[in-house]
């Protein structure tokens, strides 16, 4: 499971990159967060095509699989600083190109965010949330805590930002796993309607797999109004490390992701 796909889609969506100067920007802007009493809804669909490289690849049906993800993320402005966040994500993994299996997983989270610095030039935002996974690819009822921090600057030429996210399981005992996820990007407001975002993301799994994944994302964001927007984007892998993956009757097998790319669409509304 790629943290860069699951968590980025379900928990670190547009809601996690916003800040208090909501009325100055269209809802597409990564500095946007709900004002007091305002709700922001972010609905996303993602599709990824993947190819694996492995010493046992010739013994399998093939090396391709697909991932489809649907998610809903919500944010509510409790006050000028505090934000209640929550969301749900459903993931379907089609492994029929490798062996006879299709996994379905779902994930929900609930947390609280705080705008620590918010002066129109510099922003620093963070949130803490409780997460729970269920499904075929994970143990039933696995619980996680998640910490997210984001820092950015508003400059004349563009708005650069960096973020770090740390997720750790709470009830897996000796099978405990943790993820670190780093993003560095730049957002450019092209005009009143259109914005462009590009970022690099690095994922590190601290469990037995020790997987290291580097990817990139580019997207265009179109604001129909100040409070409604559509985002279309493309994500792709730059590098991946060899790590263990459970492959049905083969058990744990060393694999390396050869390609991992796909598109996503997002609708965001504030009301």
C-alpha atoms as a PDB file:
ATOM      1  CA  UNK A   1       0.000   0.000   0.000  1.00  0.00           C
ATOM      2  CA  UNK A   2       1.438   3.336  -1.030  1.00  0.00           C
ATOM      3  CA  UNK A   3       1.081   6.046   1.573  1.00  0.00           C
ATOM      4  CA  UNK A   4       1.547   8.520  -1.284  1.00  0.00           C
ATOM      5  CA  UNK A   5      -1.739   7.276  -2.742  1.00  0.00           C
ATOM      6  CA  UNK A   6      -3.880   6.338   0.249  1.00  0.00           C
ATOM      7  CA  UNK A   7      -3.126   9.011   2.783  1.00  0.00           C
ATOM      8  CA  UNK A   8      -2.475  11.779   0.356  1.00  0.00           C
ATOM      9  CA  UNK A   9      -5.837  11.149  -1.217  1.00  0.00           C
ATOM     10  CA  UNK A  10      -7.807  10.571   1.971  1.00  0.00           C
ATOM     11  CA  UNK A  11      -6.208  12.767   4.589  1.00  0.00           C
ATOM     12  CA  UNK A  12      -3.848  15.212   2.976  1.00  0.00           C
ATOM     13  CA  UNK A  13      -6.138  16.592   0.304  1.00  0.00           C
ATOM     14  CA  UNK A  14      -6.938  20.238  -0.362  1.00  0.00           C
ATOM     15  CA  UNK A  15      -8.346  20.507   3.168  1.00  0.00           C
ATOM     16  CA  UNK A  16      -4.923  19.980   4.696  1.00  0.00           C
ATOM     17  CA  UNK A  17      -3.201  22.725   2.742  1.00  0.00           C
ATOM     18  CA  UNK A  18      -5.465  25.662   3.471  1.00  0.00           C
ATOM     19  CA  UNK A  19      -5.142  28.734   5.687  1.00  0.00           C
ATOM     20  CA  UNK A  20      -7.307  31.422   7.269  1.00  0.00           C
ATOM     21  CA  UNK A  21      -7.261  33.979   4.452  1.00  0.00           C
ATOM     22  CA  UNK A  22     -10.051  32.055   2.747  1.00  0.00           C
ATOM     23  CA  UNK A  23     -11.978  35.054   1.422  1.00  0.00           C
ATOM     24  CA  UNK A  24      -8.927  36.399  -0.428  1.00  0.00           C
ATOM     25  CA  UNK A  25      -8.448  33.269  -2.552  1.00  0.00           C
ATOM     26  CA  UNK A  26     -10.592  30.917  -4.631  1.00  0.00           C
ATOM     27  CA  UNK A  27     -11.221  27.565  -3.024  1.00  0.00           C
ATOM     28  CA  UNK A  28      -8.565  26.012  -5.311  1.00  0.00           C
ATOM     29  CA  UNK A  29      -5.740  27.774  -3.475  1.00  0.00           C
ATOM     30  CA  UNK A  30      -3.568  25.673  -1.103  1.00  0.00           C
ATOM     31  CA  UNK A  31      -3.805  28.522   1.434  1.00  0.00           C
ATOM     32  CA  UNK A  32      -7.587  28.065   1.765  1.00  0.00           C
ATOM     33  CA  UNK A  33      -9.201  26.892   5.003  1.00  0.00           C
ATOM     34  CA  UNK A  34     -12.808  27.295   6.175  1.00  0.00           C
ATOM     35  CA  UNK A  35     -13.642  30.464   8.083  1.00  0.00           C
ATOM     36  CA  UNK A  36     -15.551  30.261  11.344  1.00  0.00           C
ATOM     37  CA  UNK A  37     -18.889  28.538  10.687  1.00  0.00           C
ATOM     38  CA  UNK A  38     -17.905  27.533   7.122  1.00  0.00           C
ATOM     39  CA  UNK A  39     -17.844  23.975   5.729  1.00  0.00           C
ATOM     40  CA  UNK A  40     -15.514  22.792   2.949  1.00  0.00           C
ATOM     41  CA  UNK A  41     -16.270  19.551   1.072  1.00  0.00           C
ATOM     42  CA  UNK A  42     -13.628  17.886  -1.111  1.00  0.00           C
ATOM     43  CA  UNK A  43     -14.683  14.863  -3.203  1.00  0.00           C
ATOM     44  CA  UNK A  44     -11.984  12.976  -5.155  1.00  0.00           C
ATOM     45  CA  UNK A  45     -11.579  10.086  -7.569  1.00  0.00           C
ATOM     46  CA  UNK A  46      -8.162   8.599  -8.450  1.00  0.00           C
ATOM     47  CA  UNK A  47      -7.044   5.841 -10.810  1.00  0.00           C
ATOM     48  CA  UNK A  48      -3.512   4.390 -10.917  1.00  0.00           C
ATOM     49  CA  UNK A  49      -1.868   1.845 -13.220  1.00  0.00           C
ATOM     50  CA  UNK A  50       1.097   0.016 -11.738  1.00  0.00           C
ATOM     51  CA  UNK A  51       3.820  -2.384 -12.851  1.00  0.00           C
ATOM     52  CA  UNK A  52       5.980  -4.460 -10.505  1.00  0.00           C
ATOM     53  CA  UNK A  53       9.480  -5.829 -10.875  1.00  0.00           C
ATOM     54  CA  UNK A  54      10.346  -9.011  -8.969  1.00  0.00           C
ATOM     55  CA  UNK A  55      12.594 -12.084  -9.057  1.00  0.00           C
ATOM     56  CA  UNK A  56       9.440 -14.251  -9.200  1.00  0.00           C
ATOM     57  CA  UNK A  57       7.657 -12.156 -11.849  1.00  0.00           C
ATOM     58  CA  UNK A  58       7.983 -14.923 -14.476  1.00  0.00           C
ATOM     59  CA  UNK A  59       6.064 -17.308 -12.211  1.00  0.00           C
ATOM     60  CA  UNK A  60       3.100 -14.943 -12.015  1.00  0.00           C
ATOM     61  CA  UNK A  61       0.394 -14.193 -14.561  1.00  0.00           C
ATOM     62  CA  UNK A  62       1.908 -10.770 -15.183  1.00  0.00           C
ATOM     63  CA  UNK A  63       3.221  -7.702 -13.407  1.00  0.00           C
ATOM     64  CA  UNK A  64       0.375  -5.163 -13.666  1.00  0.00           C
ATOM     65  CA  UNK A  65      -2.305  -4.089 -11.218  1.00  0.00           C
ATOM     66  CA  UNK A  66      -4.779  -1.199 -10.881  1.00  0.00           C
ATOM     67  CA  UNK A  67      -5.900   1.017  -8.019  1.00  0.00           C
ATOM     68  CA  UNK A  68      -9.142   3.022  -7.842  1.00  0.00           C
ATOM     69  CA  UNK A  69      -9.853   5.393  -4.941  1.00  0.00           C
ATOM     70  CA  UNK A  70     -12.924   7.445  -4.019  1.00  0.00           C
ATOM     71  CA  UNK A  71     -12.755   9.809  -1.047  1.00  0.00           C
ATOM     72  CA  UNK A  72     -14.679  12.536   0.740  1.00  0.00           C
ATOM     73  CA  UNK A  73     -12.935  15.035   3.038  1.00  0.00           C
ATOM     74  CA  UNK A  74     -14.676  17.649   5.175  1.00  0.00           C
ATOM     75  CA  UNK A  75     -13.502  20.659   7.147  1.00  0.00           C
ATOM     76  CA  UNK A  76     -15.507  22.884   9.494  1.00  0.00           C
ATOM     77  CA  UNK A  77     -14.311  26.190  10.966  1.00  0.00           C
ATOM     78  CA  UNK A  78     -14.920  25.945  14.712  1.00  0.00           C
ATOM     79  CA  UNK A  79     -13.292  29.332  15.261  1.00  0.00           C
ATOM     80  CA  UNK A  80     -10.896  31.679  13.451  1.00  0.00           C
ATOM     81  CA  UNK A  81      -8.070  29.257  14.330  1.00  0.00           C
ATOM     82  CA  UNK A  82      -9.498  25.784  14.982  1.00  0.00           C
ATOM     83  CA  UNK A  83     -10.821  23.437  12.290  1.00  0.00           C
ATOM     84  CA  UNK A  84     -12.645  20.129  12.702  1.00  0.00           C
ATOM     85  CA  UNK A  85     -11.613  17.676   9.954  1.00  0.00           C
ATOM     86  CA  UNK A  86     -12.900  14.269   8.937  1.00  0.00           C
ATOM     87  CA  UNK A  87     -13.208  12.015   5.948  1.00  0.00           C
ATOM     88  CA  UNK A  88     -13.812   8.613   4.389  1.00  0.00           C
ATOM     89  CA  UNK A  89     -11.937   6.745   1.656  1.00  0.00           C
ATOM     90  CA  UNK A  90     -12.697   3.577  -0.325  1.00  0.00           C
ATOM     91  CA  UNK A  91      -9.928   1.803  -2.242  1.00  0.00           C
ATOM     92  CA  UNK A  92     -10.169  -1.059  -4.754  1.00  0.00           C
ATOM     93  CA  UNK A  93      -7.023  -2.926  -5.867  1.00  0.00           C
ATOM     94  CA  UNK A  94      -7.327  -5.154  -8.921  1.00  0.00           C
ATOM     95  CA  UNK A  95      -4.503  -7.741  -8.908  1.00  0.00           C
ATOM     96  CA  UNK A  96      -5.982  -9.919 -11.660  1.00  0.00           C
ATOM     97  CA  UNK A  97      -3.083  -9.001 -13.919  1.00  0.00           C
ATOM     98  CA  UNK A  98      -0.773 -10.769 -11.417  1.00  0.00           C
ATOM     99  CA  UNK A  99      -2.887 -13.448  -9.698  1.00  0.00           C
ATOM    100  CA  UNK A 100      -6.537 -14.113  -8.795  1.00  0.00           C
ATOM    101  CA  UNK A 101      -7.270 -11.470  -6.202  1.00  0.00           C
ATOM    102  CA  UNK A 102      -9.070  -8.149  -5.785  1.00  0.00           C
ATOM    103  CA  UNK A 103      -8.765  -6.259  -2.508  1.00  0.00           C
ATOM    104  CA  UNK A 104     -11.177  -3.663  -1.179  1.00  0.00           C
ATOM    105  CA  UNK A 105     -10.244  -1.386   1.715  1.00  0.00           C
ATOM    106  CA  UNK A 106     -11.780   1.573   3.454  1.00  0.00           C
ATOM    107  CA  UNK A 107     -10.460   4.211   5.793  1.00  0.00           C
ATOM    108  CA  UNK A 108     -11.945   6.984   7.916  1.00  0.00           C
ATOM    109  CA  UNK A 109     -10.437   9.698  10.084  1.00  0.00           C
ATOM    110  CA  UNK A 110     -11.458  12.457  12.500  1.00  0.00           C
ATOM    111  CA  UNK A 111      -9.228  15.202  13.851  1.00  0.00           C
ATOM    112  CA  UNK A 112      -8.563  18.791  14.798  1.00  0.00           C
ATOM    113  CA  UNK A 113      -6.467  21.400  12.953  1.00  0.00           C
ATOM    114  CA  UNK A 114      -4.916  24.700  14.082  1.00  0.00           C
ATOM    115  CA  UNK A 115      -3.694  27.708  12.092  1.00  0.00           C
ATOM    116  CA  UNK A 116      -0.593  28.573  14.132  1.00  0.00           C
ATOM    117  CA  UNK A 117       0.668  31.432  11.922  1.00  0.00           C
ATOM    118  CA  UNK A 118      -1.667  33.353   9.659  1.00  0.00           C
ATOM    119  CA  UNK A 119      -0.548  36.832   8.615  1.00  0.00           C
ATOM    120  CA  UNK A 120      -1.181  36.803   4.864  1.00  0.00           C
ATOM    121  CA  UNK A 121       2.511  36.314   4.015  1.00  0.00           C
ATOM    122  CA  UNK A 122       3.507  33.269   6.072  1.00  0.00           C
ATOM    123  CA  UNK A 123       1.333  30.348   7.076  1.00  0.00           C
ATOM    124  CA  UNK A 124       1.938  27.430   9.399  1.00  0.00           C
ATOM    125  CA  UNK A 125      -0.829  24.880   9.845  1.00  0.00           C
ATOM    126  CA  UNK A 126      -1.048  21.543  11.638  1.00  0.00           C
ATOM    127  CA  UNK A 127      -3.564  18.861  12.488  1.00  0.00           C
ATOM    128  CA  UNK A 128      -3.776  15.691  14.552  1.00  0.00           C
ATOM    129  CA  UNK A 129      -6.272  12.960  13.721  1.00  0.00           C
ATOM    130  CA  UNK A 130      -7.356   9.451  14.611  1.00  0.00           C
ATOM    131  CA  UNK A 131      -7.616   7.000  11.683  1.00  0.00           C
ATOM    132  CA  UNK A 132      -8.990   3.491  11.241  1.00  0.00           C
ATOM    133  CA  UNK A 133      -8.443   1.053   8.356  1.00  0.00           C
ATOM    134  CA  UNK A 134     -10.526  -1.990   7.451  1.00  0.00           C
ATOM    135  CA  UNK A 135     -10.408  -4.294   4.435  1.00  0.00           C
ATOM    136  CA  UNK A 136      -8.677  -7.121   2.633  1.00  0.00           C
ATOM    137  CA  UNK A 137      -5.169  -5.635   2.491  1.00  0.00           C
ATOM    138  CA  UNK A 138      -4.949  -4.728   6.181  1.00  0.00           C
ATOM    139  CA  UNK A 139      -5.893  -6.243   9.533  1.00  0.00           C
ATOM    140  CA  UNK A 140      -9.464  -5.590  10.628  1.00  0.00           C
ATOM    141  CA  UNK A 141      -9.819  -2.422  12.671  1.00  0.00           C
ATOM    142  CA  UNK A 142      -6.199  -1.226  12.519  1.00  0.00           C
ATOM    143  CA  UNK A 143      -6.011   2.114  14.325  1.00  0.00           C
ATOM    144  CA  UNK A 144      -3.558   4.910  13.583  1.00  0.00           C
ATOM    145  CA  UNK A 145      -2.741   8.374  14.803  1.00  0.00           C
ATOM    146  CA  UNK A 146      -1.647  10.930  12.230  1.00  0.00           C
ATOM    147  CA  UNK A 147       0.266  14.199  12.641  1.00  0.00           C
ATOM    148  CA  UNK A 148       0.429  16.709   9.772  1.00  0.00           C
ATOM    149  CA  UNK A 149       2.373  20.012   9.565  1.00  0.00           C
ATOM    150  CA  UNK A 150       2.553  22.453   6.673  1.00  0.00           C
ATOM    151  CA  UNK A 151       4.547  25.656   6.171  1.00  0.00           C
ATOM    152  CA  UNK A 152       4.365  28.068   3.255  1.00  0.00           C
ATOM    153  CA  UNK A 153       5.072  31.563   2.009  1.00  0.00           C
ATOM    154  CA  UNK A 154       3.109  33.904  -0.227  1.00  0.00           C
ATOM    155  CA  UNK A 155       5.571  35.440  -2.682  1.00  0.00           C
ATOM    156  CA  UNK A 156       5.150  37.677  -5.730  1.00  0.00           C
ATOM    157  CA  UNK A 157       6.062  34.975  -8.244  1.00  0.00           C
ATOM    158  CA  UNK A 158       4.328  31.971  -6.622  1.00  0.00           C
ATOM    159  CA  UNK A 159       3.474  30.337  -3.287  1.00  0.00           C
ATOM    160  CA  UNK A 160       5.972  27.612  -2.240  1.00  0.00           C
ATOM    161  CA  UNK A 161       5.188  25.193   0.582  1.00  0.00           C
ATOM    162  CA  UNK A 162       6.515  22.137   2.387  1.00  0.00           C
ATOM    163  CA  UNK A 163       4.716  19.579   4.538  1.00  0.00           C
ATOM    164  CA  UNK A 164       5.481  16.535   6.657  1.00  0.00           C
ATOM    165  CA  UNK A 165       3.084  13.832   7.780  1.00  0.00           C
ATOM    166  CA  UNK A 166       3.727  11.031  10.273  1.00  0.00           C
ATOM    167  CA  UNK A 167       1.363   8.085  10.752  1.00  0.00           C
ATOM    168  CA  UNK A 168       1.811   5.324  13.353  1.00  0.00           C
ATOM    169  CA  UNK A 169      -0.336   2.273  14.125  1.00  0.00           C
ATOM    170  CA  UNK A 170      -1.718   1.952  17.649  1.00  0.00           C
ATOM    171  CA  UNK A 171      -2.878  -1.672  17.965  1.00  0.00           C
ATOM    172  CA  UNK A 172      -0.661  -3.944  15.862  1.00  0.00           C
ATOM    173  CA  UNK A 173       1.776  -5.008  18.572  1.00  0.00           C
ATOM    174  CA  UNK A 174       4.981  -6.452  17.124  1.00  0.00           C
ATOM    175  CA  UNK A 175       3.586  -5.771  13.619  1.00  0.00           C
ATOM    176  CA  UNK A 176       3.530  -2.047  14.344  1.00  0.00           C
ATOM    177  CA  UNK A 177       4.202   0.110  11.290  1.00  0.00           C
ATOM    178  CA  UNK A 178       4.747   3.810  10.739  1.00  0.00           C
ATOM    179  CA  UNK A 179       4.954   6.058   7.700  1.00  0.00           C
ATOM    180  CA  UNK A 180       6.675   9.368   7.059  1.00  0.00           C
ATOM    181  CA  UNK A 181       5.490  11.424   4.107  1.00  0.00           C
ATOM    182  CA  UNK A 182       7.158  14.621   2.853  1.00  0.00           C
ATOM    183  CA  UNK A 183       5.891  17.038   0.189  1.00  0.00           C
ATOM    184  CA  UNK A 184       7.521  20.112  -1.334  1.00  0.00           C
ATOM    185  CA  UNK A 185       5.649  22.124  -3.911  1.00  0.00           C
ATOM    186  CA  UNK A 186       4.792  25.411  -5.574  1.00  0.00           C
ATOM    187  CA  UNK A 187       1.364  26.856  -6.347  1.00  0.00           C
ATOM    188  CA  UNK A 188       0.867  29.546  -9.010  1.00  0.00           C
ATOM    189  CA  UNK A 189      -2.341  31.546  -9.376  1.00  0.00           C
ATOM    190  CA  UNK A 190      -2.476  32.098 -13.150  1.00  0.00           C
ATOM    191  CA  UNK A 191      -5.573  34.306 -13.137  1.00  0.00           C
ATOM    192  CA  UNK A 192      -8.814  34.777 -11.171  1.00  0.00           C
ATOM    193  CA  UNK A 193     -10.095  31.368 -12.294  1.00  0.00           C
ATOM    194  CA  UNK A 194      -7.096  29.144 -12.938  1.00  0.00           C
ATOM    195  CA  UNK A 195      -4.318  27.857 -10.685  1.00  0.00           C
ATOM    196  CA  UNK A 196      -1.421  25.408 -11.188  1.00  0.00           C
ATOM    197  CA  UNK A 197       0.312  23.234  -8.605  1.00  0.00           C
ATOM    198  CA  UNK A 198       3.427  21.040  -8.876  1.00  0.00           C
ATOM    199  CA  UNK A 199       5.074  19.040  -6.098  1.00  0.00           C
ATOM    200  CA  UNK A 200       7.474  16.250  -5.224  1.00  0.00           C
ATOM    201  CA  UNK A 201       6.528  13.685  -2.584  1.00  0.00           C
ATOM    202  CA  UNK A 202       8.734  11.250  -0.672  1.00  0.00           C
ATOM    203  CA  UNK A 203       7.346   8.330   1.325  1.00  0.00           C
ATOM    204  CA  UNK A 204       9.237   6.152   3.818  1.00  0.00           C
ATOM    205  CA  UNK A 205       7.794   3.078   5.518  1.00  0.00           C
ATOM    206  CA  UNK A 206       9.523   2.294   8.817  1.00  0.00           C
ATOM    207  CA  UNK A 207       8.145  -1.257   9.099  1.00  0.00           C
ATOM    208  CA  UNK A 208       9.955  -4.384   7.914  1.00  0.00           C
ATOM    209  CA  UNK A 209       9.575  -3.429   4.239  1.00  0.00           C
ATOM    210  CA  UNK A 210      11.601  -0.184   4.648  1.00  0.00           C
ATOM    211  CA  UNK A 211      10.064   1.018   1.388  1.00  0.00           C
ATOM    212  CA  UNK A 212      11.229   4.367  -0.029  1.00  0.00           C
ATOM    213  CA  UNK A 213       9.108   5.973  -2.747  1.00  0.00           C
ATOM    214  CA  UNK A 214       9.623   9.244  -4.654  1.00  0.00           C
ATOM    215  CA  UNK A 215       6.889  10.683  -6.824  1.00  0.00           C
ATOM    216  CA  UNK A 216       5.629  13.872  -8.440  1.00  0.00           C
ATOM    217  CA  UNK A 217       2.245  15.473  -9.044  1.00  0.00           C
ATOM    218  CA  UNK A 218       1.034  18.257 -11.327  1.00  0.00           C
ATOM    219  CA  UNK A 219      -2.502  19.629 -11.501  1.00  0.00           C
ATOM    220  CA  UNK A 220      -4.688  22.416 -12.840  1.00  0.00           C
ATOM    221  CA  UNK A 221      -7.386  23.943 -10.640  1.00  0.00           C
ATOM    222  CA  UNK A 222     -10.341  25.836 -12.111  1.00  0.00           C
ATOM    223  CA  UNK A 223     -12.609  27.932  -9.893  1.00  0.00           C
ATOM    224  CA  UNK A 224     -16.199  28.127 -11.186  1.00  0.00           C
ATOM    225  CA  UNK A 225     -16.872  30.626  -8.393  1.00  0.00           C
ATOM    226  CA  UNK A 226     -14.973  31.781  -5.308  1.00  0.00           C
ATOM    227  CA  UNK A 227     -16.474  28.799  -3.457  1.00  0.00           C
ATOM    228  CA  UNK A 228     -16.567  25.996  -6.063  1.00  0.00           C
ATOM    229  CA  UNK A 229     -13.711  24.447  -8.045  1.00  0.00           C
ATOM    230  CA  UNK A 230     -12.575  21.489 -10.147  1.00  0.00           C
ATOM    231  CA  UNK A 231      -9.040  20.052 -10.009  1.00  0.00           C
ATOM    232  CA  UNK A 232      -7.577  17.679 -12.618  1.00  0.00           C
ATOM    233  CA  UNK A 233      -4.139  16.194 -12.062  1.00  0.00           C
ATOM    234  CA  UNK A 234      -1.559  13.537 -12.869  1.00  0.00           C
ATOM    235  CA  UNK A 235       0.774  11.691 -10.469  1.00  0.00           C
ATOM    236  CA  UNK A 236       3.755   9.548 -11.394  1.00  0.00           C
ATOM    237  CA  UNK A 237       6.602   7.623  -9.804  1.00  0.00           C
ATOM    238  CA  UNK A 238      10.213   8.757 -10.013  1.00  0.00           C
ATOM    239  CA  UNK A 239      11.817   5.938  -7.998  1.00  0.00           C
ATOM    240  CA  UNK A 240      11.008   3.087  -5.622  1.00  0.00           C
ATOM    241  CA  UNK A 241      13.023   0.695  -3.462  1.00  0.00           C
ATOM    242  CA  UNK A 242      12.848  -3.092  -3.323  1.00  0.00           C
ATOM    243  CA  UNK A 243      10.419  -4.161  -0.578  1.00  0.00           C
ATOM    244  CA  UNK A 244       8.301  -7.127   0.492  1.00  0.00           C
ATOM    245  CA  UNK A 245       4.747  -7.559  -0.799  1.00  0.00           C
ATOM    246  CA  UNK A 246       2.340 -10.368   0.087  1.00  0.00           C
ATOM    247  CA  UNK A 247       1.363 -12.120  -3.169  1.00  0.00           C
ATOM    248  CA  UNK A 248      -1.277 -14.741  -2.408  1.00  0.00           C
ATOM    249  CA  UNK A 249       0.133 -18.284  -2.399  1.00  0.00           C
ATOM    250  CA  UNK A 250       3.670 -16.956  -2.902  1.00  0.00           C
ATOM    251  CA  UNK A 251       3.631 -15.275   0.528  1.00  0.00           C
ATOM    252  CA  UNK A 252       6.000 -12.340   1.120  1.00  0.00           C
ATOM    253  CA  UNK A 253       7.973 -11.646  -2.054  1.00  0.00           C
ATOM    254  CA  UNK A 254      10.565  -8.955  -2.796  1.00  0.00           C
ATOM    255  CA  UNK A 255       9.118  -6.441  -5.218  1.00  0.00           C
ATOM    256  CA  UNK A 256      10.018  -3.101  -6.669  1.00  0.00           C
ATOM    257  CA  UNK A 257       7.447  -0.807  -8.270  1.00  0.00           C
ATOM    258  CA  UNK A 258       8.568  -0.265 -11.857  1.00  0.00           C
ATOM    259  CA  UNK A 259       5.892   2.292 -12.764  1.00  0.00           C
ATOM    260  CA  UNK A 260       3.127   3.844 -10.679  1.00  0.00           C
ATOM    261  CA  UNK A 261       1.150   6.598 -12.359  1.00  0.00           C
ATOM    262  CA  UNK A 262      -2.394   7.823 -12.780  1.00  0.00           C
ATOM    263  CA  UNK A 263      -4.860  10.677 -12.825  1.00  0.00           C
ATOM    264  CA  UNK A 264      -7.198  12.224 -10.302  1.00  0.00           C
ATOM    265  CA  UNK A 265     -10.182  14.584 -10.278  1.00  0.00           C
ATOM    266  CA  UNK A 266     -11.456  16.653  -7.369  1.00  0.00           C
ATOM    267  CA  UNK A 267     -14.551  18.772  -6.740  1.00  0.00           C
ATOM    268  CA  UNK A 268     -14.355  21.254  -3.857  1.00  0.00           C
ATOM    269  CA  UNK A 269     -17.176  23.356  -2.448  1.00  0.00           C
ATOM    270  CA  UNK A 270     -17.318  25.824   0.453  1.00  0.00           C
ATOM    271  CA  UNK A 271     -20.602  26.848   2.045  1.00  0.00           C
END
